Amino acid sequence: MSLVVLTGAVRSGKSAAAEGLAASRGLPVVVAVAGWDGDAEMSRRIAAHQADRPASWTTIATTTDPAWLESVPSHAVLVLDCVGTLVSNACYERIGDAEIASADDEAAVHAAADALVAALIARVGDTIVVTNETGWGVVPAWPSARVFRDVLGRANRALIDAADAAYLVIDGRFLDLRDLPTQPSWPTDESEANRD
């Protein structure tokens, strides 16, 4: 049983890649979606995604509480799309539009993300996790966004550390993160000579 993580920017090809990997296993597939059916535009998006998937696949809605994982059979491939949305939901549930995020609020969001990550890592069965990269730009102006950035970054690192395969998806191209060093090293004399 394997854990595969696909991370990257929005519309980079993560979801399509996750679904392709799931289909290649030849097993039942459960797609766990973290979106919400809260307005007409989101409803259209959800319907379009479901129409693109094989009719034999099961789609379930997720919450920030990882108890939903218990309903996914261990013989099925789980595709979770996506951790970023679940962390965002946890931030909104706990912090909302508050001007200040208390230490208790921040700790609660961290705890929710940690519980989800631990449950995904412990799951018996093939699991494909889609997540987002964030925080590559300016520091967000509002508290919930700063907590979101910090919590998602930490959750992504934990998932990738535990993954059997992990890819950064950039414009439909895949960078294998498991092949990259986990610690930087000082340049050697040889690498300095190659710059000359």
N, C-alpha and C. Protein backbone atom coordinates (compact mmCIF):
# COMPACT_ATOMS: atom_id res chain seq x y z
N MET A 1 0.85 -1.17 0.00
CA MET A 1 0.00 0.00 0.00
C MET A 1 0.89 1.24 0.00
N SER A 2 0.54 2.22 -0.83
CA SER A 2 1.43 3.36 -1.04
C SER A 2 0.71 4.68 -0.79
N LEU A 3 1.53 5.67 -0.38
CA LEU A 3 1.08 7.04 -0.25
C LEU A 3 1.81 7.87 -1.30
N VAL A 4 1.04 8.54 -2.15
CA VAL A 4 1.60 9.41 -3.19
C VAL A 4 1.06 10.82 -2.94
N VAL A 5 1.96 11.81 -2.99
CA VAL A 5 1.57 13.20 -2.78
C VAL A 5 1.89 13.99 -4.03
N LEU A 6 0.91 14.77 -4.49
CA LEU A 6 1.07 15.67 -5.63
C LEU A 6 0.82 17.09 -5.14
N THR A 7 1.83 17.94 -5.21
CA THR A 7 1.70 19.31 -4.74
C THR A 7 2.08 20.26 -5.87
N GLY A 8 1.64 21.49 -5.76
CA GLY A 8 1.96 22.47 -6.79
C GLY A 8 0.93 23.58 -6.81
N ALA A 9 1.00 24.37 -7.87
CA ALA A 9 0.12 25.52 -8.00
C ALA A 9 -1.26 25.09 -8.51
N VAL A 10 -2.20 25.99 -8.41
CA VAL A 10 -3.54 25.77 -8.93
C VAL A 10 -3.47 25.60 -10.44
N ARG A 11 -4.22 24.65 -10.98
CA ARG A 11 -4.31 24.35 -12.41
C ARG A 11 -2.98 23.88 -13.00
N SER A 12 -2.15 23.27 -12.17
CA SER A 12 -0.87 22.75 -12.66
C SER A 12 -1.00 21.35 -13.23
N GLY A 13 -2.11 20.67 -12.99
CA GLY A 13 -2.31 19.32 -13.48
C GLY A 13 -2.32 18.26 -12.40
N LYS A 14 -2.38 18.68 -11.13
CA LYS A 14 -2.32 17.74 -10.02
C LYS A 14 -3.50 16.79 -10.00
N SER A 15 -4.70 17.33 -10.12
CA SER A 15 -5.91 16.49 -10.00
C SER A 15 -5.99 15.48 -11.13
N ALA A 16 -5.70 15.92 -12.35
CA ALA A 16 -5.74 14.99 -13.49
C ALA A 16 -4.70 13.89 -13.30
N ALA A 17 -3.52 14.25 -12.80
CA ALA A 17 -2.48 13.25 -12.55
C ALA A 17 -2.92 12.27 -11.47
N ALA A 18 -3.55 12.78 -10.41
CA ALA A 18 -4.01 11.92 -9.33
C ALA A 18 -5.05 10.92 -9.84
N GLU A 19 -5.96 11.41 -10.66
CA GLU A 19 -6.99 10.52 -11.20
C GLU A 19 -6.39 9.49 -12.15
N GLY A 20 -5.39 9.90 -12.95
CA GLY A 20 -4.72 8.95 -13.83
C GLY A 20 -4.00 7.86 -13.05
N LEU A 21 -3.32 8.25 -11.97
CA LEU A 21 -2.65 7.27 -11.12
C LEU A 21 -3.66 6.31 -10.50
N ALA A 22 -4.76 6.86 -10.01
CA ALA A 22 -5.78 6.02 -9.38
C ALA A 22 -6.34 5.01 -10.38
N ALA A 23 -6.63 5.47 -11.59
CA ALA A 23 -7.18 4.57 -12.61
C ALA A 23 -6.20 3.47 -12.97
N SER A 24 -4.91 3.78 -12.93
CA SER A 24 -3.89 2.79 -13.33
C SER A 24 -3.78 1.62 -12.37
N ARG A 25 -4.33 1.76 -11.16
CA ARG A 25 -4.21 0.70 -10.16
C ARG A 25 -5.18 -0.45 -10.42
N GLY A 26 -6.25 -0.20 -11.18
CA GLY A 26 -7.21 -1.27 -11.47
C GLY A 26 -8.04 -1.68 -10.27
N LEU A 27 -8.20 -0.81 -9.32
CA LEU A 27 -8.95 -1.08 -8.09
C LEU A 27 -10.12 -0.11 -8.00
N PRO A 28 -11.07 -0.37 -7.10
CA PRO A 28 -12.11 0.64 -6.86
C PRO A 28 -11.47 1.96 -6.41
N VAL A 29 -12.09 3.06 -6.78
CA VAL A 29 -11.54 4.38 -6.46
C VAL A 29 -12.59 5.18 -5.70
N VAL A 30 -12.14 5.82 -4.61
CA VAL A 30 -12.96 6.75 -3.85
C VAL A 30 -12.28 8.11 -3.95
N VAL A 31 -13.01 9.09 -4.47
CA VAL A 31 -12.49 10.45 -4.56
C VAL A 31 -13.12 11.25 -3.43
N ALA A 32 -12.28 11.76 -2.54
CA ALA A 32 -12.73 12.57 -1.42
C ALA A 32 -12.49 14.03 -1.76
N VAL A 33 -13.55 14.78 -1.89
CA VAL A 33 -13.42 16.18 -2.30
C VAL A 33 -13.66 17.09 -1.11
N ALA A 34 -12.87 18.14 -1.07
CA ALA A 34 -12.94 19.06 0.05
C ALA A 34 -13.68 20.34 -0.30
N GLY A 35 -14.18 20.45 -1.53
CA GLY A 35 -14.92 21.64 -1.92
C GLY A 35 -16.28 21.69 -1.24
N TRP A 36 -16.97 22.78 -1.43
CA TRP A 36 -18.27 22.94 -0.82
C TRP A 36 -19.25 23.33 -1.93
N ASP A 37 -20.46 22.89 -1.76
CA ASP A 37 -21.51 23.17 -2.74
C ASP A 37 -22.30 24.36 -2.25
N GLY A 38 -21.65 25.53 -2.22
CA GLY A 38 -22.25 26.69 -1.58
C GLY A 38 -22.83 27.72 -2.52
N ASP A 39 -22.53 27.65 -3.82
CA ASP A 39 -23.09 28.62 -4.76
C ASP A 39 -23.17 27.97 -6.14
N ALA A 40 -23.82 28.65 -7.07
CA ALA A 40 -24.07 28.07 -8.39
C ALA A 40 -22.77 27.77 -9.14
N GLU A 41 -21.80 28.65 -9.03
CA GLU A 41 -20.52 28.44 -9.74
C GLU A 41 -19.79 27.22 -9.19
N MET A 42 -19.75 27.06 -7.87
CA MET A 42 -19.10 25.90 -7.27
C MET A 42 -19.87 24.62 -7.59
N SER A 43 -21.18 24.71 -7.62
CA SER A 43 -22.00 23.54 -7.98
C SER A 43 -21.67 23.07 -9.39
N ARG A 44 -21.50 24.01 -10.32
CA ARG A 44 -21.13 23.65 -11.70
C ARG A 44 -19.76 22.98 -11.73
N ARG A 45 -18.82 23.49 -10.96
CA ARG A 45 -17.47 22.90 -10.92
C ARG A 45 -17.52 21.46 -10.41
N ILE A 46 -18.26 21.25 -9.33
CA ILE A 46 -18.37 19.91 -8.74
C ILE A 46 -19.00 18.96 -9.74
N ALA A 47 -20.08 19.40 -10.41
CA ALA A 47 -20.75 18.55 -11.39
C ALA A 47 -19.83 18.21 -12.56
N ALA A 48 -19.04 19.18 -13.01
CA ALA A 48 -18.12 18.94 -14.13
C ALA A 48 -17.04 17.94 -13.74
N HIS A 49 -16.49 18.08 -12.52
CA HIS A 49 -15.48 17.12 -12.07
C HIS A 49 -16.06 15.71 -11.99
N GLN A 50 -17.26 15.58 -11.45
CA GLN A 50 -17.88 14.26 -11.33
C GLN A 50 -18.17 13.65 -12.69
N ALA A 51 -18.58 14.48 -13.65
CA ALA A 51 -18.88 13.99 -14.99
C ALA A 51 -17.63 13.49 -15.70
N ASP A 52 -16.48 14.06 -15.35
CA ASP A 52 -15.22 13.65 -15.98
C ASP A 52 -14.67 12.34 -15.43
N ARG A 53 -15.15 11.92 -14.26
CA ARG A 53 -14.64 10.69 -13.64
C ARG A 53 -15.47 9.49 -14.09
N PRO A 54 -14.87 8.31 -14.05
CA PRO A 54 -15.64 7.10 -14.38
C PRO A 54 -16.85 6.95 -13.46
N ALA A 55 -17.95 6.47 -14.01
CA ALA A 55 -19.19 6.32 -13.24
C ALA A 55 -19.03 5.34 -12.09
N SER A 56 -18.07 4.42 -12.19
CA SER A 56 -17.87 3.42 -11.14
C SER A 56 -17.16 3.98 -9.91
N TRP A 57 -16.56 5.17 -10.04
CA TRP A 57 -15.87 5.76 -8.91
C TRP A 57 -16.88 6.36 -7.93
N THR A 58 -16.54 6.29 -6.65
CA THR A 58 -17.36 6.87 -5.60
C THR A 58 -16.79 8.23 -5.22
N THR A 59 -17.66 9.21 -5.06
CA THR A 59 -17.24 10.53 -4.61
C THR A 59 -17.87 10.80 -3.25
N ILE A 60 -17.03 11.22 -2.30
CA ILE A 60 -17.53 11.58 -0.98
C ILE A 60 -17.04 12.97 -0.62
N ALA A 61 -17.80 13.65 0.23
CA ALA A 61 -17.39 14.96 0.74
C ALA A 61 -16.60 14.76 2.02
N THR A 62 -15.59 15.59 2.20
CA THR A 62 -14.76 15.49 3.40
C THR A 62 -15.03 16.66 4.33
N THR A 63 -14.56 16.50 5.54
CA THR A 63 -14.59 17.58 6.52
C THR A 63 -13.20 17.67 7.13
N THR A 64 -13.01 18.66 7.98
CA THR A 64 -11.72 18.80 8.64
C THR A 64 -11.48 17.70 9.66
N ASP A 65 -12.53 17.03 10.10
CA ASP A 65 -12.41 15.90 11.02
C ASP A 65 -12.08 14.65 10.18
N PRO A 66 -10.94 14.00 10.42
CA PRO A 66 -10.55 12.86 9.58
C PRO A 66 -11.38 11.59 9.78
N ALA A 67 -12.42 11.65 10.58
CA ALA A 67 -13.26 10.46 10.80
C ALA A 67 -13.85 9.94 9.50
N TRP A 68 -13.99 10.79 8.48
CA TRP A 68 -14.55 10.36 7.20
C TRP A 68 -13.70 9.26 6.55
N LEU A 69 -12.41 9.19 6.92
CA LEU A 69 -11.52 8.17 6.35
C LEU A 69 -11.99 6.76 6.70
N GLU A 70 -12.70 6.61 7.80
CA GLU A 70 -13.18 5.28 8.21
C GLU A 70 -14.18 4.70 7.22
N SER A 71 -14.81 5.56 6.42
CA SER A 71 -15.80 5.07 5.45
C SER A 71 -15.16 4.62 4.14
N VAL A 72 -13.86 4.81 3.98
CA VAL A 72 -13.18 4.44 2.74
C VAL A 72 -12.62 3.02 2.90
N PRO A 73 -13.07 2.07 2.07
CA PRO A 73 -12.58 0.69 2.19
C PRO A 73 -11.07 0.61 1.94
N SER A 74 -10.41 -0.26 2.67
CA SER A 74 -8.94 -0.37 2.53
C SER A 74 -8.53 -0.93 1.17
N HIS A 75 -9.42 -1.63 0.48
CA HIS A 75 -9.07 -2.18 -0.84
C HIS A 75 -9.25 -1.15 -1.96
N ALA A 76 -9.78 0.03 -1.61
CA ALA A 76 -9.99 1.07 -2.61
C ALA A 76 -8.83 2.06 -2.62
N VAL A 77 -8.57 2.63 -3.79
CA VAL A 77 -7.61 3.73 -3.90
C VAL A 77 -8.34 5.00 -3.47
N LEU A 78 -7.75 5.72 -2.52
CA LEU A 78 -8.31 6.98 -2.08
C LEU A 78 -7.59 8.12 -2.78
N VAL A 79 -8.35 9.03 -3.39
CA VAL A 79 -7.81 10.27 -3.93
C VAL A 79 -8.41 11.40 -3.10
N LEU A 80 -7.57 12.10 -2.34
CA LEU A 80 -8.03 13.26 -1.57
C LEU A 80 -7.67 14.53 -2.34
N ASP A 81 -8.68 15.32 -2.67
CA ASP A 81 -8.47 16.54 -3.45
C ASP A 81 -9.26 17.67 -2.80
N CYS A 82 -8.67 18.51 -1.96
CA CYS A 82 -7.25 18.59 -1.67
C CYS A 82 -7.04 19.04 -0.24
N VAL A 83 -5.83 18.82 0.27
CA VAL A 83 -5.47 19.18 1.64
C VAL A 83 -5.55 20.68 1.85
N GLY A 84 -5.15 21.45 0.84
CA GLY A 84 -5.19 22.91 0.96
C GLY A 84 -6.58 23.42 1.28
N THR A 85 -7.59 22.86 0.62
CA THR A 85 -8.96 23.29 0.88
C THR A 85 -9.40 22.89 2.29
N LEU A 86 -8.99 21.70 2.75
CA LEU A 86 -9.35 21.29 4.11
C LEU A 86 -8.69 22.20 5.15
N VAL A 87 -7.43 22.57 4.94
CA VAL A 87 -6.77 23.48 5.88
C VAL A 87 -7.45 24.85 5.84
N SER A 88 -7.82 25.29 4.65
CA SER A 88 -8.54 26.56 4.51
C SER A 88 -9.87 26.50 5.27
N ASN A 89 -10.58 25.38 5.15
CA ASN A 89 -11.84 25.21 5.87
C ASN A 89 -11.62 25.25 7.38
N ALA A 90 -10.55 24.60 7.84
CA ALA A 90 -10.24 24.59 9.28
C ALA A 90 -9.95 26.01 9.76
N CYS A 91 -9.22 26.78 8.96
CA CYS A 91 -8.93 28.18 9.33
C CYS A 91 -10.22 28.99 9.42
N TYR A 92 -11.07 28.81 8.43
CA TYR A 92 -12.31 29.59 8.42
C TYR A 92 -13.22 29.19 9.58
N GLU A 93 -13.32 27.88 9.85
CA GLU A 93 -14.16 27.42 10.95
C GLU A 93 -13.70 27.97 12.29
N ARG A 94 -12.40 28.08 12.47
CA ARG A 94 -11.86 28.49 13.76
C ARG A 94 -11.62 30.00 13.86
N ILE A 95 -11.16 30.62 12.76
CA ILE A 95 -10.75 32.03 12.82
C ILE A 95 -11.73 32.94 12.09
N GLY A 96 -12.29 32.45 10.99
CA GLY A 96 -13.24 33.26 10.21
C GLY A 96 -12.59 34.54 9.72
N ASP A 97 -13.30 35.65 9.89
CA ASP A 97 -12.82 36.96 9.44
C ASP A 97 -12.24 37.78 10.59
N ALA A 98 -11.88 37.11 11.68
CA ALA A 98 -11.38 37.84 12.85
C ALA A 98 -10.12 38.64 12.49
N GLU A 99 -9.97 39.78 13.13
CA GLU A 99 -8.80 40.62 12.88
C GLU A 99 -7.56 40.08 13.58
N ILE A 100 -7.77 39.25 14.59
CA ILE A 100 -6.65 38.66 15.33
C ILE A 100 -6.92 37.17 15.50
N ALA A 101 -5.92 36.36 15.21
CA ALA A 101 -6.01 34.92 15.46
C ALA A 101 -5.33 34.65 16.80
N SER A 102 -6.08 34.12 17.75
CA SER A 102 -5.50 33.84 19.05
C SER A 102 -4.57 32.64 18.97
N ALA A 103 -3.74 32.49 19.96
CA ALA A 103 -2.85 31.33 20.02
C ALA A 103 -3.66 30.05 20.08
N ASP A 104 -4.81 30.09 20.78
CA ASP A 104 -5.68 28.91 20.86
C ASP A 104 -6.26 28.57 19.49
N ASP A 105 -6.67 29.60 18.74
CA ASP A 105 -7.20 29.37 17.39
C ASP A 105 -6.15 28.74 16.50
N GLU A 106 -4.96 29.31 16.53
CA GLU A 106 -3.87 28.79 15.70
C GLU A 106 -3.53 27.35 16.09
N ALA A 107 -3.48 27.07 17.38
CA ALA A 107 -3.18 25.71 17.84
C ALA A 107 -4.26 24.74 17.41
N ALA A 108 -5.52 25.17 17.42
CA ALA A 108 -6.62 24.30 17.00
C ALA A 108 -6.53 23.95 15.52
N VAL A 109 -6.16 24.92 14.69
CA VAL A 109 -6.02 24.65 13.25
C VAL A 109 -4.84 23.71 13.02
N HIS A 110 -3.73 23.95 13.72
CA HIS A 110 -2.58 23.03 13.62
C HIS A 110 -2.98 21.62 14.03
N ALA A 111 -3.74 21.51 15.12
CA ALA A 111 -4.15 20.18 15.61
C ALA A 111 -5.05 19.48 14.59
N ALA A 112 -5.96 20.23 13.97
CA ALA A 112 -6.84 19.63 12.96
C ALA A 112 -6.03 19.12 11.77
N ALA A 113 -5.07 19.91 11.32
CA ALA A 113 -4.23 19.49 10.19
C ALA A 113 -3.35 18.30 10.58
N ASP A 114 -2.80 18.34 11.78
CA ASP A 114 -1.95 17.22 12.24
C ASP A 114 -2.75 15.92 12.30
N ALA A 115 -4.00 16.01 12.77
CA ALA A 115 -4.85 14.81 12.87
C ALA A 115 -5.14 14.25 11.48
N LEU A 116 -5.42 15.14 10.53
CA LEU A 116 -5.68 14.70 9.15
C LEU A 116 -4.46 14.04 8.56
N VAL A 117 -3.30 14.68 8.69
CA VAL A 117 -2.06 14.13 8.14
C VAL A 117 -1.76 12.76 8.76
N ALA A 118 -1.88 12.66 10.07
CA ALA A 118 -1.61 11.38 10.74
C ALA A 118 -2.55 10.29 10.25
N ALA A 119 -3.82 10.62 10.05
CA ALA A 119 -4.79 9.63 9.58
C ALA A 119 -4.49 9.20 8.15
N LEU A 120 -4.08 10.13 7.31
CA LEU A 120 -3.73 9.79 5.92
C LEU A 120 -2.50 8.89 5.88
N ILE A 121 -1.50 9.21 6.68
CA ILE A 121 -0.27 8.41 6.72
C ILE A 121 -0.55 7.00 7.25
N ALA A 122 -1.46 6.91 8.22
CA ALA A 122 -1.75 5.61 8.84
C ALA A 122 -2.72 4.77 8.02
N ARG A 123 -3.35 5.35 7.02
CA ARG A 123 -4.38 4.62 6.27
C ARG A 123 -3.80 3.36 5.63
N VAL A 124 -4.55 2.27 5.74
CA VAL A 124 -4.20 1.02 5.06
C VAL A 124 -4.92 1.08 3.72
N GLY A 125 -4.16 1.08 2.65
CA GLY A 125 -4.72 1.20 1.31
C GLY A 125 -3.99 2.26 0.54
N ASP A 126 -4.01 2.14 -0.79
CA ASP A 126 -3.35 3.13 -1.63
C ASP A 126 -4.02 4.48 -1.46
N THR A 127 -3.20 5.50 -1.28
CA THR A 127 -3.71 6.85 -1.02
C THR A 127 -2.96 7.84 -1.89
N ILE A 128 -3.71 8.67 -2.59
CA ILE A 128 -3.14 9.74 -3.40
C ILE A 128 -3.66 11.05 -2.85
N VAL A 129 -2.74 11.91 -2.42
CA VAL A 129 -3.11 13.17 -1.80
C VAL A 129 -2.72 14.31 -2.73
N VAL A 130 -3.68 15.16 -3.03
CA VAL A 130 -3.44 16.39 -3.78
C VAL A 130 -3.39 17.52 -2.77
N THR A 131 -2.40 18.40 -2.91
CA THR A 131 -2.29 19.55 -2.03
C THR A 131 -1.76 20.73 -2.84
N ASN A 132 -1.65 21.88 -2.20
CA ASN A 132 -1.21 23.10 -2.86
C ASN A 132 0.06 23.62 -2.25
N GLU A 133 0.83 24.32 -3.05
CA GLU A 133 1.94 25.10 -2.54
C GLU A 133 1.45 26.53 -2.35
N THR A 134 1.83 27.12 -1.26
CA THR A 134 1.42 28.49 -0.99
C THR A 134 2.55 29.18 -0.24
N GLY A 135 2.44 30.49 -0.12
CA GLY A 135 3.44 31.23 0.65
C GLY A 135 4.70 31.55 -0.13
N TRP A 136 4.65 31.50 -1.46
CA TRP A 136 5.83 31.82 -2.27
C TRP A 136 5.92 33.31 -2.57
N GLY A 137 5.00 34.07 -2.00
CA GLY A 137 4.97 35.50 -2.28
C GLY A 137 5.02 36.30 -1.00
N VAL A 138 4.21 37.33 -0.96
CA VAL A 138 4.21 38.25 0.18
C VAL A 138 3.54 37.61 1.39
N VAL A 139 3.81 38.19 2.56
CA VAL A 139 3.15 37.74 3.79
C VAL A 139 1.69 38.21 3.72
N PRO A 140 0.72 37.32 3.90
CA PRO A 140 -0.69 37.73 3.81
C PRO A 140 -1.04 38.81 4.83
N ALA A 141 -2.01 39.63 4.47
CA ALA A 141 -2.38 40.76 5.31
C ALA A 141 -3.34 40.39 6.43
N TRP A 142 -3.98 39.23 6.36
CA TRP A 142 -4.98 38.91 7.37
C TRP A 142 -4.59 37.63 8.12
N PRO A 143 -5.00 37.53 9.38
CA PRO A 143 -4.55 36.44 10.26
C PRO A 143 -4.86 35.04 9.75
N SER A 144 -6.09 34.80 9.29
CA SER A 144 -6.42 33.43 8.88
C SER A 144 -5.56 32.98 7.71
N ALA A 145 -5.19 33.90 6.83
CA ALA A 145 -4.34 33.53 5.68
C ALA A 145 -2.92 33.21 6.14
N ARG A 146 -2.42 33.92 7.14
CA ARG A 146 -1.08 33.61 7.65
C ARG A 146 -1.07 32.25 8.34
N VAL A 147 -2.12 31.96 9.11
CA VAL A 147 -2.22 30.65 9.76
C VAL A 147 -2.34 29.56 8.69
N PHE A 148 -3.17 29.79 7.68
CA PHE A 148 -3.32 28.84 6.57
C PHE A 148 -1.97 28.52 5.94
N ARG A 149 -1.22 29.55 5.61
CA ARG A 149 0.09 29.36 4.96
C ARG A 149 1.02 28.52 5.84
N ASP A 150 1.08 28.84 7.11
CA ASP A 150 1.98 28.12 8.02
C ASP A 150 1.54 26.67 8.22
N VAL A 151 0.25 26.46 8.43
CA VAL A 151 -0.25 25.11 8.70
C VAL A 151 -0.13 24.24 7.46
N LEU A 152 -0.49 24.76 6.29
CA LEU A 152 -0.40 23.97 5.08
C LEU A 152 1.04 23.61 4.76
N GLY A 153 1.95 24.54 4.93
CA GLY A 153 3.36 24.24 4.68
C GLY A 153 3.87 23.11 5.55
N ARG A 154 3.50 23.15 6.82
CA ARG A 154 3.93 22.09 7.74
C ARG A 154 3.26 20.75 7.41
N ALA A 155 1.97 20.80 7.05
CA ALA A 155 1.26 19.57 6.68
C ALA A 155 1.87 18.95 5.43
N ASN A 156 2.18 19.79 4.44
CA ASN A 156 2.79 19.28 3.21
C ASN A 156 4.13 18.60 3.49
N ARG A 157 4.95 19.21 4.32
CA ARG A 157 6.25 18.61 4.64
C ARG A 157 6.08 17.25 5.30
N ALA A 158 5.14 17.15 6.23
CA ALA A 158 4.91 15.88 6.93
C ALA A 158 4.43 14.81 5.95
N LEU A 159 3.51 15.17 5.06
CA LEU A 159 3.01 14.21 4.08
C LEU A 159 4.12 13.75 3.15
N ILE A 160 4.91 14.69 2.67
CA ILE A 160 5.98 14.34 1.72
C ILE A 160 7.06 13.52 2.40
N ASP A 161 7.36 13.82 3.66
CA ASP A 161 8.34 13.02 4.40
C ASP A 161 7.89 11.56 4.52
N ALA A 162 6.58 11.34 4.64
CA ALA A 162 6.05 9.98 4.82
C ALA A 162 5.72 9.29 3.50
N ALA A 163 5.68 10.04 2.41
CA ALA A 163 5.19 9.51 1.14
C ALA A 163 6.16 8.50 0.52
N ASP A 164 5.58 7.56 -0.21
CA ASP A 164 6.37 6.64 -1.02
C ASP A 164 6.78 7.29 -2.34
N ALA A 165 5.99 8.26 -2.79
CA ALA A 165 6.31 9.05 -3.98
C ALA A 165 5.71 10.43 -3.78
N ALA A 166 6.44 11.47 -4.20
CA ALA A 166 5.95 12.84 -4.05
C ALA A 166 6.45 13.66 -5.22
N TYR A 167 5.54 14.45 -5.78
CA TYR A 167 5.87 15.23 -6.98
C TYR A 167 5.42 16.66 -6.82
N LEU A 168 6.28 17.59 -7.25
CA LEU A 168 5.90 18.97 -7.43
C LEU A 168 5.44 19.09 -8.88
N VAL A 169 4.19 19.51 -9.07
CA VAL A 169 3.62 19.59 -10.41
C VAL A 169 3.67 21.04 -10.87
N ILE A 170 4.35 21.25 -11.98
CA ILE A 170 4.50 22.59 -12.54
C ILE A 170 4.07 22.54 -14.00
N ASP A 171 2.94 23.18 -14.31
CA ASP A 171 2.45 23.25 -15.68
C ASP A 171 2.44 21.88 -16.37
N GLY A 172 1.93 20.88 -15.66
CA GLY A 172 1.81 19.55 -16.24
C GLY A 172 3.10 18.75 -16.29
N ARG A 173 4.14 19.23 -15.64
CA ARG A 173 5.43 18.51 -15.55
C ARG A 173 5.67 18.14 -14.10
N PHE A 174 6.40 17.03 -13.89
CA PHE A 174 6.52 16.46 -12.55
C PHE A 174 7.97 16.42 -12.09
N LEU A 175 8.22 17.08 -10.99
CA LEU A 175 9.54 17.07 -10.36
C LEU A 175 9.47 16.11 -9.19
N ASP A 176 10.27 15.04 -9.22
CA ASP A 176 10.25 14.01 -8.19
C ASP A 176 10.93 14.53 -6.93
N LEU A 177 10.15 14.83 -5.92
CA LEU A 177 10.68 15.41 -4.69
C LEU A 177 11.46 14.41 -3.85
N ARG A 178 11.19 13.12 -4.02
CA ARG A 178 11.90 12.12 -3.23
C ARG A 178 13.36 11.98 -3.69
N ASP A 179 13.67 12.44 -4.91
CA ASP A 179 15.03 12.38 -5.42
C ASP A 179 15.88 13.57 -4.99
N LEU A 180 15.27 14.56 -4.39
CA LEU A 180 15.98 15.79 -4.03
C LEU A 180 16.53 15.69 -2.61
N PRO A 181 17.64 16.37 -2.36
CA PRO A 181 18.22 16.32 -1.00
C PRO A 181 17.28 16.96 0.02
N THR A 182 17.36 16.48 1.24
CA THR A 182 16.56 17.06 2.31
C THR A 182 17.36 18.08 3.13
N GLN A 183 18.64 18.16 2.86
CA GLN A 183 19.50 19.13 3.53
C GLN A 183 20.42 19.77 2.48
N PRO A 184 20.67 21.08 2.61
CA PRO A 184 21.62 21.70 1.67
C PRO A 184 23.05 21.30 2.02
N SER A 185 23.92 21.38 1.05
CA SER A 185 25.33 21.10 1.32
C SER A 185 26.17 22.26 0.78
N TRP A 186 27.30 22.44 1.41
CA TRP A 186 28.20 23.51 0.99
C TRP A 186 28.83 23.12 -0.34
N PRO A 187 29.02 24.11 -1.25
CA PRO A 187 29.63 23.78 -2.54
C PRO A 187 31.02 23.17 -2.36
N THR A 188 31.31 22.19 -3.19
CA THR A 188 32.63 21.57 -3.16
C THR A 188 33.57 22.38 -4.05
N ASP A 189 34.87 22.10 -3.92
CA ASP A 189 35.85 22.79 -4.77
C ASP A 189 35.53 22.54 -6.24
N GLU A 190 35.07 21.32 -6.55
CA GLU A 190 34.76 20.97 -7.93
C GLU A 190 33.59 21.80 -8.46
N SER A 191 32.53 21.97 -7.64
CA SER A 191 31.38 22.75 -8.11
C SER A 191 31.75 24.21 -8.28
N GLU A 192 32.65 24.73 -7.43
CA GLU A 192 33.10 26.11 -7.58
C GLU A 192 33.94 26.27 -8.84
N ALA A 193 34.75 25.25 -9.16
CA ALA A 193 35.58 25.30 -10.36
C ALA A 193 34.71 25.28 -11.62
N ASN A 194 33.56 24.58 -11.56
CA ASN A 194 32.67 24.51 -12.73
C ASN A 194 32.01 25.84 -13.02
N ARG A 195 31.97 26.74 -12.04
CA ARG A 195 31.36 28.07 -12.27
C ARG A 195 32.31 28.98 -13.02
N ASP A 196 33.60 28.71 -12.92
CA ASP A 196 34.61 29.59 -13.55
C ASP A 196 34.64 29.43 -15.06
